[in-house]
Amino acid sequence: MNFEKIFSIKIINYSFTIYLLGIRIRISIKSLKEKFFAEENLKLTSKLLNFVSSPSQLPKATGELRESQLKELEILKIINKLSKEYHLIYWIDGGTLLGAVRHKGYIPWDSDTDICMPRDDYNKIIPLLKKAFDNTDIQVREYYRCKSVKKINYQICLCNKHGEKKYGVDIFPIDYYHKSDLNDDERYEITKQIKLCSKTIQKKALSNEEFLKNVNKVRTLAQELQKKYILKNNSKNPQNGALYTGTEYGWIAPKYFVWNYNKIFPLKEIEFEGEIFNCPNDIKDYLVNYYGKNYMEYPPKFKINGDKIEEYIDNLKIIKSEE
């Protein structure tokens, strides 16, 4: 039996041919690329892609995009090593976790690496990273200004010192709530407060250049807002309290940005690009919160920031020439 005639994908230049159960489908990638960001075509494109193949079957990125991913992998390995050496807690997050589950590595078109750390460990790793990457081409920033969407993201960002952010490893601070076992309504209300606090910080940062660049002042304000509006003046509970994203981060996408303690801990391990890294305890719940129940399929939309789908398509090389 010729398996290639049952299912196979062959990419040549700007078109690919798909054999599915004896049916031959030829699609022009160049044509798709030109219309990719047209809203009316996105869902149709996603449905077509999910019909003919699984995202996990796609080849890895090539060219500069793959080089960037491998650079980030080396940084991630150093963070993993430092965390073990100094007993710090971290777990891979967002698209990095999705890539580990769906692709055993980077999502082919993803251009950054995401990590979460509880606040105390987050603060401890900053000087360790600055020391580890001193005299290298890697810069350890404590905030990143995203001009395209007018956001200031106050998180650790490890990226190249010169030029554009060609690669980046982002570490997000995570805070503890005063109780756990929250229901969805409680999680939703806390998420609303997180977003309101974040907007307050963003508004001040974008209107005050001095405040924008003073990370300590930003963190102080973030903690004050959290204590007043999120914790309601209760004390944090790092023993078994729910966890939520730090309010100084400017890009809050998921429906809930709050996880019950047992959804994160005890941490598990997962394979990513042939290496082993920490991940949340309940991976499925985590990814459904971010991407919906169909997270194993192609997304209905590709993000403007973070996704390099056009670069990925442009760099695709011939997998196998047609005989």
C-alpha atoms as a PDB file:
ATOM      1  CA  MET A   1       0.000   0.000   0.000  1.00  0.00           C
ATOM      2  CA  ASN A   2       1.380   3.405  -0.974  1.00  0.00           C
ATOM      3  CA  PHE A   3       0.889   5.482   2.190  1.00  0.00           C
ATOM      4  CA  GLU A   4       1.876   8.683   0.380  1.00  0.00           C
ATOM      5  CA  LYS A   5      -1.243   8.359  -1.784  1.00  0.00           C
ATOM      6  CA  ILE A   6      -3.402   8.007   1.346  1.00  0.00           C
ATOM      7  CA  PHE A   7      -1.981  11.043   3.115  1.00  0.00           C
ATOM      8  CA  SER A   8       1.049  13.170   2.342  1.00  0.00           C
ATOM      9  CA  ILE A   9       2.034  16.796   1.871  1.00  0.00           C
ATOM     10  CA  LYS A  10       4.575  17.927  -0.687  1.00  0.00           C
ATOM     11  CA  ILE A  11       5.680  21.552  -0.768  1.00  0.00           C
ATOM     12  CA  ILE A  12       7.343  23.032  -3.826  1.00  0.00           C
ATOM     13  CA  ASN A  13       8.098  26.743  -4.008  1.00  0.00           C
ATOM     14  CA  TYR A  14       4.789  28.570  -3.381  1.00  0.00           C
ATOM     15  CA  SER A  15       2.354  25.660  -3.603  1.00  0.00           C
ATOM     16  CA  PHE A  16       1.728  22.402  -1.839  1.00  0.00           C
ATOM     17  CA  THR A  17      -0.016  19.236  -2.932  1.00  0.00           C
ATOM     18  CA  ILE A  18      -1.990  17.202  -0.409  1.00  0.00           C
ATOM     19  CA  TYR A  19      -3.000  13.584  -0.942  1.00  0.00           C
ATOM     20  CA  LEU A  20      -5.895  12.663   1.327  1.00  0.00           C
ATOM     21  CA  LEU A  21      -7.546   9.244   0.864  1.00  0.00           C
ATOM     22  CA  GLY A  22      -6.635   9.246  -2.803  1.00  0.00           C
ATOM     23  CA  ILE A  23      -7.854  12.806  -3.376  1.00  0.00           C
ATOM     24  CA  ARG A  24      -5.256  15.215  -4.707  1.00  0.00           C
ATOM     25  CA  ILE A  25      -5.549  18.843  -3.545  1.00  0.00           C
ATOM     26  CA  ARG A  26      -3.203  21.552  -4.810  1.00  0.00           C
ATOM     27  CA  ILE A  27      -3.113  24.886  -2.960  1.00  0.00           C
ATOM     28  CA  SER A  28      -1.141  28.024  -3.773  1.00  0.00           C
ATOM     29  CA  ILE A  29       0.608  29.222  -0.604  1.00  0.00           C
ATOM     30  CA  LYS A  30       1.396  32.551  -2.241  1.00  0.00           C
ATOM     31  CA  SER A  31      -2.276  33.163  -2.886  1.00  0.00           C
ATOM     32  CA  LEU A  32      -3.153  32.210   0.687  1.00  0.00           C
ATOM     33  CA  LYS A  33      -0.386  34.394   2.059  1.00  0.00           C
ATOM     34  CA  GLU A  34      -1.621  37.489   0.233  1.00  0.00           C
ATOM     35  CA  LYS A  35      -5.087  37.068   1.763  1.00  0.00           C
ATOM     36  CA  PHE A  36      -4.072  35.568   5.087  1.00  0.00           C
ATOM     37  CA  PHE A  37      -4.906  38.539   7.244  1.00  0.00           C
ATOM     38  CA  ALA A  38      -8.209  39.313   5.537  1.00  0.00           C
ATOM     39  CA  GLU A  39     -10.762  38.660   8.275  1.00  0.00           C
ATOM     40  CA  GLU A  40     -13.282  36.931   6.038  1.00  0.00           C
ATOM     41  CA  ASN A  41     -10.711  34.343   4.925  1.00  0.00           C
ATOM     42  CA  LEU A  42      -9.220  33.391   8.281  1.00  0.00           C
ATOM     43  CA  LYS A  43     -11.849  30.933   9.503  1.00  0.00           C
ATOM     44  CA  LEU A  44     -12.145  29.302   6.078  1.00  0.00           C
ATOM     45  CA  THR A  45      -8.369  28.906   5.876  1.00  0.00           C
ATOM     46  CA  SER A  46      -8.263  27.412   9.372  1.00  0.00           C
ATOM     47  CA  LYS A  47     -11.040  24.926   8.576  1.00  0.00           C
ATOM     48  CA  LEU A  48      -9.296  23.894   5.369  1.00  0.00           C
ATOM     49  CA  LEU A  49      -5.986  23.371   7.132  1.00  0.00           C
ATOM     50  CA  ASN A  50      -7.565  21.341   9.930  1.00  0.00           C
ATOM     51  CA  PHE A  51      -9.369  19.191   7.346  1.00  0.00           C
ATOM     52  CA  VAL A  52      -6.289  18.265   5.346  1.00  0.00           C
ATOM     53  CA  SER A  53      -3.628  17.955   8.065  1.00  0.00           C
ATOM     54  CA  SER A  54      -2.786  18.275  11.740  1.00  0.00           C
ATOM     55  CA  PRO A  55      -0.604  21.183  12.935  1.00  0.00           C
ATOM     56  CA  SER A  56       1.680  18.633  14.591  1.00  0.00           C
ATOM     57  CA  GLN A  57       2.606  17.285  11.134  1.00  0.00           C
ATOM     58  CA  LEU A  58       4.023  20.586   9.902  1.00  0.00           C
ATOM     59  CA  PRO A  59       7.777  20.879   9.340  1.00  0.00           C
ATOM     60  CA  LYS A  60       9.769  23.022  11.735  1.00  0.00           C
ATOM     61  CA  ALA A  61      10.623  26.599  10.878  1.00  0.00           C
ATOM     62  CA  THR A  62      13.668  27.299   8.751  1.00  0.00           C
ATOM     63  CA  GLY A  63      15.962  30.255   8.161  1.00  0.00           C
ATOM     64  CA  GLU A  64      16.208  33.162  10.603  1.00  0.00           C
ATOM     65  CA  LEU A  65      13.006  32.175  12.392  1.00  0.00           C
ATOM     66  CA  ARG A  66      14.418  28.772  13.315  1.00  0.00           C
ATOM     67  CA  GLU A  67      17.726  30.368  14.303  1.00  0.00           C
ATOM     68  CA  SER A  68      15.816  32.666  16.657  1.00  0.00           C
ATOM     69  CA  GLN A  69      13.939  29.729  18.177  1.00  0.00           C
ATOM     70  CA  LEU A  70      17.174  27.822  18.790  1.00  0.00           C
ATOM     71  CA  LYS A  71      18.718  30.930  20.378  1.00  0.00           C
ATOM     72  CA  GLU A  72      15.725  31.118  22.715  1.00  0.00           C
ATOM     73  CA  LEU A  73      16.085  27.418  23.501  1.00  0.00           C
ATOM     74  CA  GLU A  74      19.642  27.996  24.706  1.00  0.00           C
ATOM     75  CA  ILE A  75      18.408  30.831  26.941  1.00  0.00           C
ATOM     76  CA  LEU A  76      15.600  28.607  28.252  1.00  0.00           C
ATOM     77  CA  LYS A  77      18.124  25.896  29.125  1.00  0.00           C
ATOM     78  CA  ILE A  78      20.157  28.411  31.143  1.00  0.00           C
ATOM     79  CA  ILE A  79      17.024  29.557  33.000  1.00  0.00           C
ATOM     80  CA  ASN A  80      16.206  25.926  33.736  1.00  0.00           C
ATOM     81  CA  LYS A  81      19.737  25.347  35.053  1.00  0.00           C
ATOM     82  CA  LEU A  82      19.678  28.465  37.248  1.00  0.00           C
ATOM     83  CA  SER A  83      16.255  27.526  38.619  1.00  0.00           C
ATOM     84  CA  LYS A  84      17.494  24.093  39.649  1.00  0.00           C
ATOM     85  CA  GLU A  85      20.708  25.457  41.131  1.00  0.00           C
ATOM     86  CA  TYR A  86      18.960  28.160  43.199  1.00  0.00           C
ATOM     87  CA  HIS A  87      15.727  26.241  43.871  1.00  0.00           C
ATOM     88  CA  LEU A  88      13.515  28.642  41.925  1.00  0.00           C
ATOM     89  CA  ILE A  89      10.063  27.792  40.599  1.00  0.00           C
ATOM     90  CA  TYR A  90       9.114  28.318  36.953  1.00  0.00           C
ATOM     91  CA  TRP A  91       6.937  26.732  34.289  1.00  0.00           C
ATOM     92  CA  ILE A  92       6.627  27.191  30.533  1.00  0.00           C
ATOM     93  CA  ASP A  93       3.551  29.163  29.533  1.00  0.00           C
ATOM     94  CA  GLY A  94       1.354  30.208  26.622  1.00  0.00           C
ATOM     95  CA  GLY A  95       2.521  29.331  23.126  1.00  0.00           C
ATOM     96  CA  THR A  96       5.610  27.568  24.465  1.00  0.00           C
ATOM     97  CA  LEU A  97       3.460  25.120  26.431  1.00  0.00           C
ATOM     98  CA  LEU A  98       1.116  24.688  23.467  1.00  0.00           C
ATOM     99  CA  GLY A  99       4.124  24.002  21.246  1.00  0.00           C
ATOM    100  CA  ALA A 100       5.400  21.372  23.679  1.00  0.00           C
ATOM    101  CA  VAL A 101       2.044  19.557  23.639  1.00  0.00           C
ATOM    102  CA  ARG A 102       1.184  19.940  19.960  1.00  0.00           C
ATOM    103  CA  HIS A 103       4.617  20.022  18.259  1.00  0.00           C
ATOM    104  CA  LYS A 104       7.054  18.652  20.861  1.00  0.00           C
ATOM    105  CA  GLY A 105       8.815  21.979  20.427  1.00  0.00           C
ATOM    106  CA  TYR A 106       8.196  25.448  19.069  1.00  0.00           C
ATOM    107  CA  ILE A 107       5.027  26.217  17.161  1.00  0.00           C
ATOM    108  CA  PRO A 108       6.590  26.560  13.678  1.00  0.00           C
ATOM    109  CA  TRP A 109       5.597  30.221  13.309  1.00  0.00           C
ATOM    110  CA  ASP A 110       6.121  31.291  16.952  1.00  0.00           C
ATOM    111  CA  SER A 111       8.790  33.898  17.601  1.00  0.00           C
ATOM    112  CA  ASP A 112       9.123  34.042  21.378  1.00  0.00           C
ATOM    113  CA  THR A 113       9.324  31.863  24.485  1.00  0.00           C
ATOM    114  CA  ASP A 114       7.035  32.267  27.498  1.00  0.00           C
ATOM    115  CA  ILE A 115       7.762  31.420  31.145  1.00  0.00           C
ATOM    116  CA  CYS A 116       5.962  32.133  34.425  1.00  0.00           C
ATOM    117  CA  MET A 117       7.560  32.527  37.867  1.00  0.00           C
ATOM    118  CA  PRO A 118       6.054  33.292  41.291  1.00  0.00           C
ATOM    119  CA  ARG A 119       6.907  36.834  42.375  1.00  0.00           C
ATOM    120  CA  ASP A 120       9.633  35.974  44.930  1.00  0.00           C
ATOM    121  CA  ASP A 121      11.476  33.693  42.498  1.00  0.00           C
ATOM    122  CA  TYR A 122      10.966  36.218  39.686  1.00  0.00           C
ATOM    123  CA  ASN A 123      12.719  38.893  41.774  1.00  0.00           C
ATOM    124  CA  LYS A 124      15.558  36.511  42.666  1.00  0.00           C
ATOM    125  CA  ILE A 125      16.333  35.465  39.108  1.00  0.00           C
ATOM    126  CA  ILE A 126      16.780  39.007  37.738  1.00  0.00           C
ATOM    127  CA  PRO A 127      20.319  39.554  39.133  1.00  0.00           C
ATOM    128  CA  LEU A 128      21.216  35.934  38.305  1.00  0.00           C
ATOM    129  CA  LEU A 129      20.252  36.464  34.663  1.00  0.00           C
ATOM    130  CA  LYS A 130      22.101  39.773  34.437  1.00  0.00           C
ATOM    131  CA  LYS A 131      25.221  38.061  35.726  1.00  0.00           C
ATOM    132  CA  ALA A 132      24.788  34.999  33.466  1.00  0.00           C
ATOM    133  CA  PHE A 133      24.394  37.094  30.312  1.00  0.00           C
ATOM    134  CA  ASP A 134      26.894  39.809  31.121  1.00  0.00           C
ATOM    135  CA  ASN A 135      29.293  40.447  28.225  1.00  0.00           C
ATOM    136  CA  THR A 136      27.041  38.592  25.756  1.00  0.00           C
ATOM    137  CA  ASP A 137      24.798  39.767  22.937  1.00  0.00           C
ATOM    138  CA  ILE A 138      21.759  39.105  25.148  1.00  0.00           C
ATOM    139  CA  GLN A 139      20.115  41.951  27.012  1.00  0.00           C
ATOM    140  CA  VAL A 140      18.057  41.408  30.186  1.00  0.00           C
ATOM    141  CA  ARG A 141      15.272  43.979  30.151  1.00  0.00           C
ATOM    142  CA  GLU A 142      12.726  44.503  32.908  1.00  0.00           C
ATOM    143  CA  TYR A 143      10.124  45.975  30.610  1.00  0.00           C
ATOM    144  CA  TYR A 144       9.427  45.964  26.908  1.00  0.00           C
ATOM    145  CA  ARG A 145       7.670  48.725  24.983  1.00  0.00           C
ATOM    146  CA  CYS A 146       5.441  47.292  22.285  1.00  0.00           C
ATOM    147  CA  LYS A 147       4.873  50.271  20.010  1.00  0.00           C
ATOM    148  CA  SER A 148       2.626  48.496  17.514  1.00  0.00           C
ATOM    149  CA  VAL A 149      -0.132  48.010  20.118  1.00  0.00           C
ATOM    150  CA  LYS A 150       0.882  50.866  22.460  1.00  0.00           C
ATOM    151  CA  LYS A 151       1.548  48.655  25.466  1.00  0.00           C
ATOM    152  CA  ILE A 152       4.279  48.594  28.083  1.00  0.00           C
ATOM    153  CA  ASN A 153       4.902  45.027  29.192  1.00  0.00           C
ATOM    154  CA  TYR A 154       6.641  44.998  32.558  1.00  0.00           C
ATOM    155  CA  GLN A 155       8.208  41.568  32.605  1.00  0.00           C
ATOM    156  CA  ILE A 156      11.685  40.125  32.189  1.00  0.00           C
ATOM    157  CA  CYS A 157      12.569  40.052  28.501  1.00  0.00           C
ATOM    158  CA  LEU A 158      15.793  38.445  27.300  1.00  0.00           C
ATOM    159  CA  CYS A 159      16.464  39.620  23.762  1.00  0.00           C
ATOM    160  CA  ASN A 160      19.230  40.736  21.421  1.00  0.00           C
ATOM    161  CA  LYS A 161      20.974  43.955  22.397  1.00  0.00           C
ATOM    162  CA  HIS A 162      21.105  45.395  18.911  1.00  0.00           C
ATOM    163  CA  GLY A 163      18.366  45.928  16.359  1.00  0.00           C
ATOM    164  CA  GLU A 164      14.814  44.634  16.504  1.00  0.00           C
ATOM    165  CA  LYS A 165      13.527  41.967  18.877  1.00  0.00           C
ATOM    166  CA  LYS A 166      14.504  39.071  16.602  1.00  0.00           C
ATOM    167  CA  TYR A 167      14.284  36.659  19.496  1.00  0.00           C
ATOM    168  CA  GLY A 168      12.921  36.959  22.992  1.00  0.00           C
ATOM    169  CA  VAL A 169      12.335  34.936  26.142  1.00  0.00           C
ATOM    170  CA  ASP A 170       9.665  36.501  28.348  1.00  0.00           C
ATOM    171  CA  ILE A 171       9.299  35.746  32.065  1.00  0.00           C
ATOM    172  CA  PHE A 172       6.032  36.847  33.676  1.00  0.00           C
ATOM    173  CA  PRO A 173       5.583  37.548  37.401  1.00  0.00           C
ATOM    174  CA  ILE A 174       2.839  35.556  39.130  1.00  0.00           C
ATOM    175  CA  ASP A 175       1.237  36.513  42.460  1.00  0.00           C
ATOM    176  CA  TYR A 176      -0.618  34.445  45.059  1.00  0.00           C
ATOM    177  CA  TYR A 177      -4.231  35.070  46.067  1.00  0.00           C
ATOM    178  CA  HIS A 178      -5.331  34.695  49.688  1.00  0.00           C
ATOM    179  CA  LYS A 179      -7.454  31.564  49.056  1.00  0.00           C
ATOM    180  CA  SER A 180      -7.892  28.791  46.533  1.00  0.00           C
ATOM    181  CA  ASP A 181     -10.699  26.576  45.207  1.00  0.00           C
ATOM    182  CA  LEU A 182     -12.194  29.542  43.367  1.00  0.00           C
ATOM    183  CA  ASN A 183     -15.209  28.956  41.148  1.00  0.00           C
ATOM    184  CA  ASP A 184     -15.438  30.395  37.629  1.00  0.00           C
ATOM    185  CA  ASP A 185     -17.448  33.431  38.748  1.00  0.00           C
ATOM    186  CA  GLU A 186     -14.806  34.307  41.344  1.00  0.00           C
ATOM    187  CA  ARG A 187     -12.009  33.814  38.823  1.00  0.00           C
ATOM    188  CA  TYR A 188     -13.826  36.028  36.341  1.00  0.00           C
ATOM    189  CA  GLU A 189     -14.298  38.839  38.887  1.00  0.00           C
ATOM    190  CA  ILE A 190     -10.620  38.706  39.902  1.00  0.00           C
ATOM    191  CA  THR A 191      -9.597  38.776  36.234  1.00  0.00           C
ATOM    192  CA  LYS A 192     -11.711  41.918  35.750  1.00  0.00           C
ATOM    193  CA  GLN A 193      -9.888  43.576  38.640  1.00  0.00           C
ATOM    194  CA  ILE A 194      -6.511  42.510  37.221  1.00  0.00           C
ATOM    195  CA  LYS A 195      -7.379  44.143  33.902  1.00  0.00           C
ATOM    196  CA  LEU A 196      -8.543  47.354  35.600  1.00  0.00           C
ATOM    197  CA  CYS A 197      -5.318  47.549  37.625  1.00  0.00           C
ATOM    198  CA  SER A 198      -3.296  46.891  34.482  1.00  0.00           C
ATOM    199  CA  LYS A 199      -5.112  49.679  32.619  1.00  0.00           C
ATOM    200  CA  THR A 200      -4.350  52.101  35.460  1.00  0.00           C
ATOM    201  CA  ILE A 201      -0.635  51.282  35.255  1.00  0.00           C
ATOM    202  CA  GLN A 202      -0.604  51.436  31.452  1.00  0.00           C
ATOM    203  CA  LYS A 203      -2.326  54.819  31.399  1.00  0.00           C
ATOM    204  CA  LYS A 204       0.188  56.306  33.811  1.00  0.00           C
ATOM    205  CA  ALA A 205       3.181  54.734  32.060  1.00  0.00           C
ATOM    206  CA  LEU A 206       2.133  55.919  28.605  1.00  0.00           C
ATOM    207  CA  SER A 207       1.568  59.481  29.817  1.00  0.00           C
ATOM    208  CA  ASN A 208       4.611  59.802  32.093  1.00  0.00           C
ATOM    209  CA  GLU A 209       8.011  58.939  30.630  1.00  0.00           C
ATOM    210  CA  GLU A 210       9.757  59.158  34.012  1.00  0.00           C
ATOM    211  CA  PHE A 211       7.314  56.680  35.586  1.00  0.00           C
ATOM    212  CA  LEU A 212       7.465  54.413  32.522  1.00  0.00           C
ATOM    213  CA  LYS A 213      11.210  53.837  32.927  1.00  0.00           C
ATOM    214  CA  ASN A 214      11.181  53.495  36.714  1.00  0.00           C
ATOM    215  CA  VAL A 215      10.465  49.781  37.143  1.00  0.00           C
ATOM    216  CA  ASN A 216      10.581  49.959  40.936  1.00  0.00           C
ATOM    217  CA  LYS A 217       7.859  52.625  41.013  1.00  0.00           C
ATOM    218  CA  VAL A 218       5.758  50.582  38.612  1.00  0.00           C
ATOM    219  CA  ARG A 219       6.082  47.467  40.758  1.00  0.00           C
ATOM    220  CA  THR A 220       5.244  49.410  43.913  1.00  0.00           C
ATOM    221  CA  LEU A 221       2.086  50.798  42.331  1.00  0.00           C
ATOM    222  CA  ALA A 222       1.183  47.344  41.010  1.00  0.00           C
ATOM    223  CA  GLN A 223       1.466  45.813  44.479  1.00  0.00           C
ATOM    224  CA  GLU A 224      -0.575  48.645  46.019  1.00  0.00           C
ATOM    225  CA  LEU A 225      -3.358  48.189  43.470  1.00  0.00           C
ATOM    226  CA  GLN A 226      -3.345  44.423  43.941  1.00  0.00           C
ATOM    227  CA  LYS A 227      -3.579  44.699  47.715  1.00  0.00           C
ATOM    228  CA  LYS A 228      -6.495  47.145  47.511  1.00  0.00           C
ATOM    229  CA  TYR A 229      -8.571  45.830  44.604  1.00  0.00           C
ATOM    230  CA  ILE A 230      -7.641  42.146  44.234  1.00  0.00           C
ATOM    231  CA  LEU A 231      -6.573  40.901  47.656  1.00  0.00           C
ATOM    232  CA  LYS A 232      -8.996  43.293  49.424  1.00  0.00           C
ATOM    233  CA  ASN A 233      -6.248  43.867  51.998  1.00  0.00           C
ATOM    234  CA  ASN A 234      -5.901  40.137  52.733  1.00  0.00           C
ATOM    235  CA  SER A 235      -2.434  38.595  52.889  1.00  0.00           C
ATOM    236  CA  LYS A 236      -1.074  36.494  50.036  1.00  0.00           C
ATOM    237  CA  ASN A 237      -1.066  32.749  50.641  1.00  0.00           C
ATOM    238  CA  PRO A 238       1.881  31.019  48.918  1.00  0.00           C
ATOM    239  CA  GLN A 239       1.024  27.700  50.601  1.00  0.00           C
ATOM    240  CA  ASN A 240      -2.106  26.900  48.596  1.00  0.00           C
ATOM    241  CA  GLY A 241      -3.537  30.206  47.353  1.00  0.00           C
ATOM    242  CA  ALA A 242      -4.732  30.628  43.786  1.00  0.00           C
ATOM    243  CA  LEU A 243      -2.247  32.223  41.387  1.00  0.00           C
ATOM    244  CA  TYR A 244      -2.780  35.205  39.109  1.00  0.00           C
ATOM    245  CA  THR A 245      -0.715  37.263  36.711  1.00  0.00           C
ATOM    246  CA  GLY A 246       1.039  40.369  37.962  1.00  0.00           C
ATOM    247  CA  THR A 247      -0.959  43.497  37.202  1.00  0.00           C
ATOM    248  CA  GLU A 248       1.996  45.385  35.690  1.00  0.00           C
ATOM    249  CA  TYR A 249       1.890  43.225  32.584  1.00  0.00           C
ATOM    250  CA  GLY A 250       0.047  45.082  29.830  1.00  0.00           C
ATOM    251  CA  TRP A 251      -1.285  42.269  27.639  1.00  0.00           C
ATOM    252  CA  ILE A 252      -3.921  40.122  29.337  1.00  0.00           C
ATOM    253  CA  ALA A 253      -5.681  37.849  26.871  1.00  0.00           C
ATOM    254  CA  PRO A 254      -7.201  34.716  28.489  1.00  0.00           C
ATOM    255  CA  LYS A 255     -10.754  34.625  29.824  1.00  0.00           C
ATOM    256  CA  TYR A 256      -9.390  33.832  33.255  1.00  0.00           C
ATOM    257  CA  PHE A 257      -5.977  34.968  34.383  1.00  0.00           C
ATOM    258  CA  VAL A 258      -6.379  33.148  37.666  1.00  0.00           C
ATOM    259  CA  TRP A 259      -5.598  29.492  38.395  1.00  0.00           C
ATOM    260  CA  ASN A 260      -6.427  27.441  41.458  1.00  0.00           C
ATOM    261  CA  TYR A 261      -3.332  26.151  43.203  1.00  0.00           C
ATOM    262  CA  ASN A 262      -3.842  22.508  42.209  1.00  0.00           C
ATOM    263  CA  LYS A 263      -4.017  23.463  38.507  1.00  0.00           C
ATOM    264  CA  ILE A 264      -0.385  24.610  38.685  1.00  0.00           C
ATOM    265  CA  PHE A 265       1.130  22.519  41.473  1.00  0.00           C
ATOM    266  CA  PRO A 266       2.731  20.106  41.819  1.00  0.00           C
ATOM    267  CA  LEU A 267       4.577  20.987  38.649  1.00  0.00           C
ATOM    268  CA  LYS A 268       5.114  18.322  36.019  1.00  0.00           C
ATOM    269  CA  GLU A 269       7.783  17.957  33.351  1.00  0.00           C
ATOM    270  CA  ILE A 270       7.340  17.995  29.589  1.00  0.00           C
ATOM    271  CA  GLU A 271       9.542  17.445  26.544  1.00  0.00           C
ATOM    272  CA  PHE A 272      10.290  20.500  24.454  1.00  0.00           C
ATOM    273  CA  GLU A 273      12.784  20.452  21.560  1.00  0.00           C
ATOM    274  CA  GLY A 274      14.374  17.310  22.989  1.00  0.00           C
ATOM    275  CA  GLU A 275      14.879  18.891  26.442  1.00  0.00           C
ATOM    276  CA  ILE A 276      12.838  18.566  29.640  1.00  0.00           C
ATOM    277  CA  PHE A 277      11.246  21.619  31.272  1.00  0.00           C
ATOM    278  CA  ASN A 278       8.673  22.356  33.987  1.00  0.00           C
ATOM    279  CA  CYS A 279       5.000  22.710  33.112  1.00  0.00           C
ATOM    280  CA  PRO A 280       1.696  23.181  34.999  1.00  0.00           C
ATOM    281  CA  ASN A 281       0.055  20.214  36.710  1.00  0.00           C
ATOM    282  CA  ASP A 282      -3.172  20.407  34.673  1.00  0.00           C
ATOM    283  CA  ILE A 283      -1.939  21.126  31.157  1.00  0.00           C
ATOM    284  CA  LYS A 284      -5.319  20.664  29.476  1.00  0.00           C
ATOM    285  CA  ASP A 285      -7.091  23.151  31.762  1.00  0.00           C
ATOM    286  CA  TYR A 286      -4.247  25.619  31.272  1.00  0.00           C
ATOM    287  CA  LEU A 287      -4.372  25.457  27.473  1.00  0.00           C
ATOM    288  CA  VAL A 288      -8.167  25.501  27.249  1.00  0.00           C
ATOM    289  CA  ASN A 289      -8.083  28.708  29.293  1.00  0.00           C
ATOM    290  CA  TYR A 290      -5.686  30.279  26.792  1.00  0.00           C
ATOM    291  CA  TYR A 291      -6.783  28.873  23.457  1.00  0.00           C
ATOM    292  CA  GLY A 292     -10.157  27.156  23.861  1.00  0.00           C
ATOM    293  CA  LYS A 293     -11.014  23.475  23.638  1.00  0.00           C
ATOM    294  CA  ASN A 294      -9.694  23.160  20.072  1.00  0.00           C
ATOM    295  CA  TYR A 295      -6.121  24.077  20.998  1.00  0.00           C
ATOM    296  CA  MET A 296      -4.748  21.042  19.123  1.00  0.00           C
ATOM    297  CA  GLU A 297      -6.051  22.485  15.834  1.00  0.00           C
ATOM    298  CA  TYR A 298      -4.910  25.448  13.742  1.00  0.00           C
ATOM    299  CA  PRO A 299      -5.985  28.749  15.314  1.00  0.00           C
ATOM    300  CA  PRO A 300      -8.863  30.670  13.700  1.00  0.00           C
ATOM    301  CA  LYS A 301      -6.607  33.734  13.834  1.00  0.00           C
ATOM    302  CA  PHE A 302      -2.894  34.370  13.934  1.00  0.00           C
ATOM    303  CA  LYS A 303      -1.671  37.077  16.306  1.00  0.00           C
ATOM    304  CA  ILE A 304      -0.266  40.250  14.816  1.00  0.00           C
ATOM    305  CA  ASN A 305       2.470  40.220  17.467  1.00  0.00           C
ATOM    306  CA  GLY A 306       4.305  37.015  18.227  1.00  0.00           C
ATOM    307  CA  ASP A 307       3.296  35.044  15.129  1.00  0.00           C
ATOM    308  CA  LYS A 308       5.616  34.928  12.126  1.00  0.00           C
ATOM    309  CA  ILE A 309       3.298  33.015   9.805  1.00  0.00           C
ATOM    310  CA  GLU A 310       4.362  34.910   6.690  1.00  0.00           C
ATOM    311  CA  GLU A 311       8.033  34.421   7.496  1.00  0.00           C
ATOM    312  CA  TYR A 312       7.387  30.735   8.152  1.00  0.00           C
ATOM    313  CA  ILE A 313       5.662  30.311   4.783  1.00  0.00           C
ATOM    314  CA  ASP A 314       8.363  32.254   2.956  1.00  0.00           C
ATOM    315  CA  ASN A 315      11.097  30.091   4.477  1.00  0.00           C
ATOM    316  CA  LEU A 316       9.495  26.720   3.846  1.00  0.00           C
ATOM    317  CA  LYS A 317      11.844  24.567   1.829  1.00  0.00           C
ATOM    318  CA  ILE A 318      11.057  21.628  -0.398  1.00  0.00           C
ATOM    319  CA  ILE A 319      10.157  18.626   1.755  1.00  0.00           C
ATOM    320  CA  LYS A 320      10.220  16.108  -1.045  1.00  0.00           C
ATOM    321  CA  SER A 321      10.210  16.710  -4.782  1.00  0.00           C
ATOM    322  CA  GLU A 322       7.416  15.131  -6.747  1.00  0.00           C
ATOM    323  CA  GLU A 323       8.611  12.071  -8.559  1.00  0.00           C
END
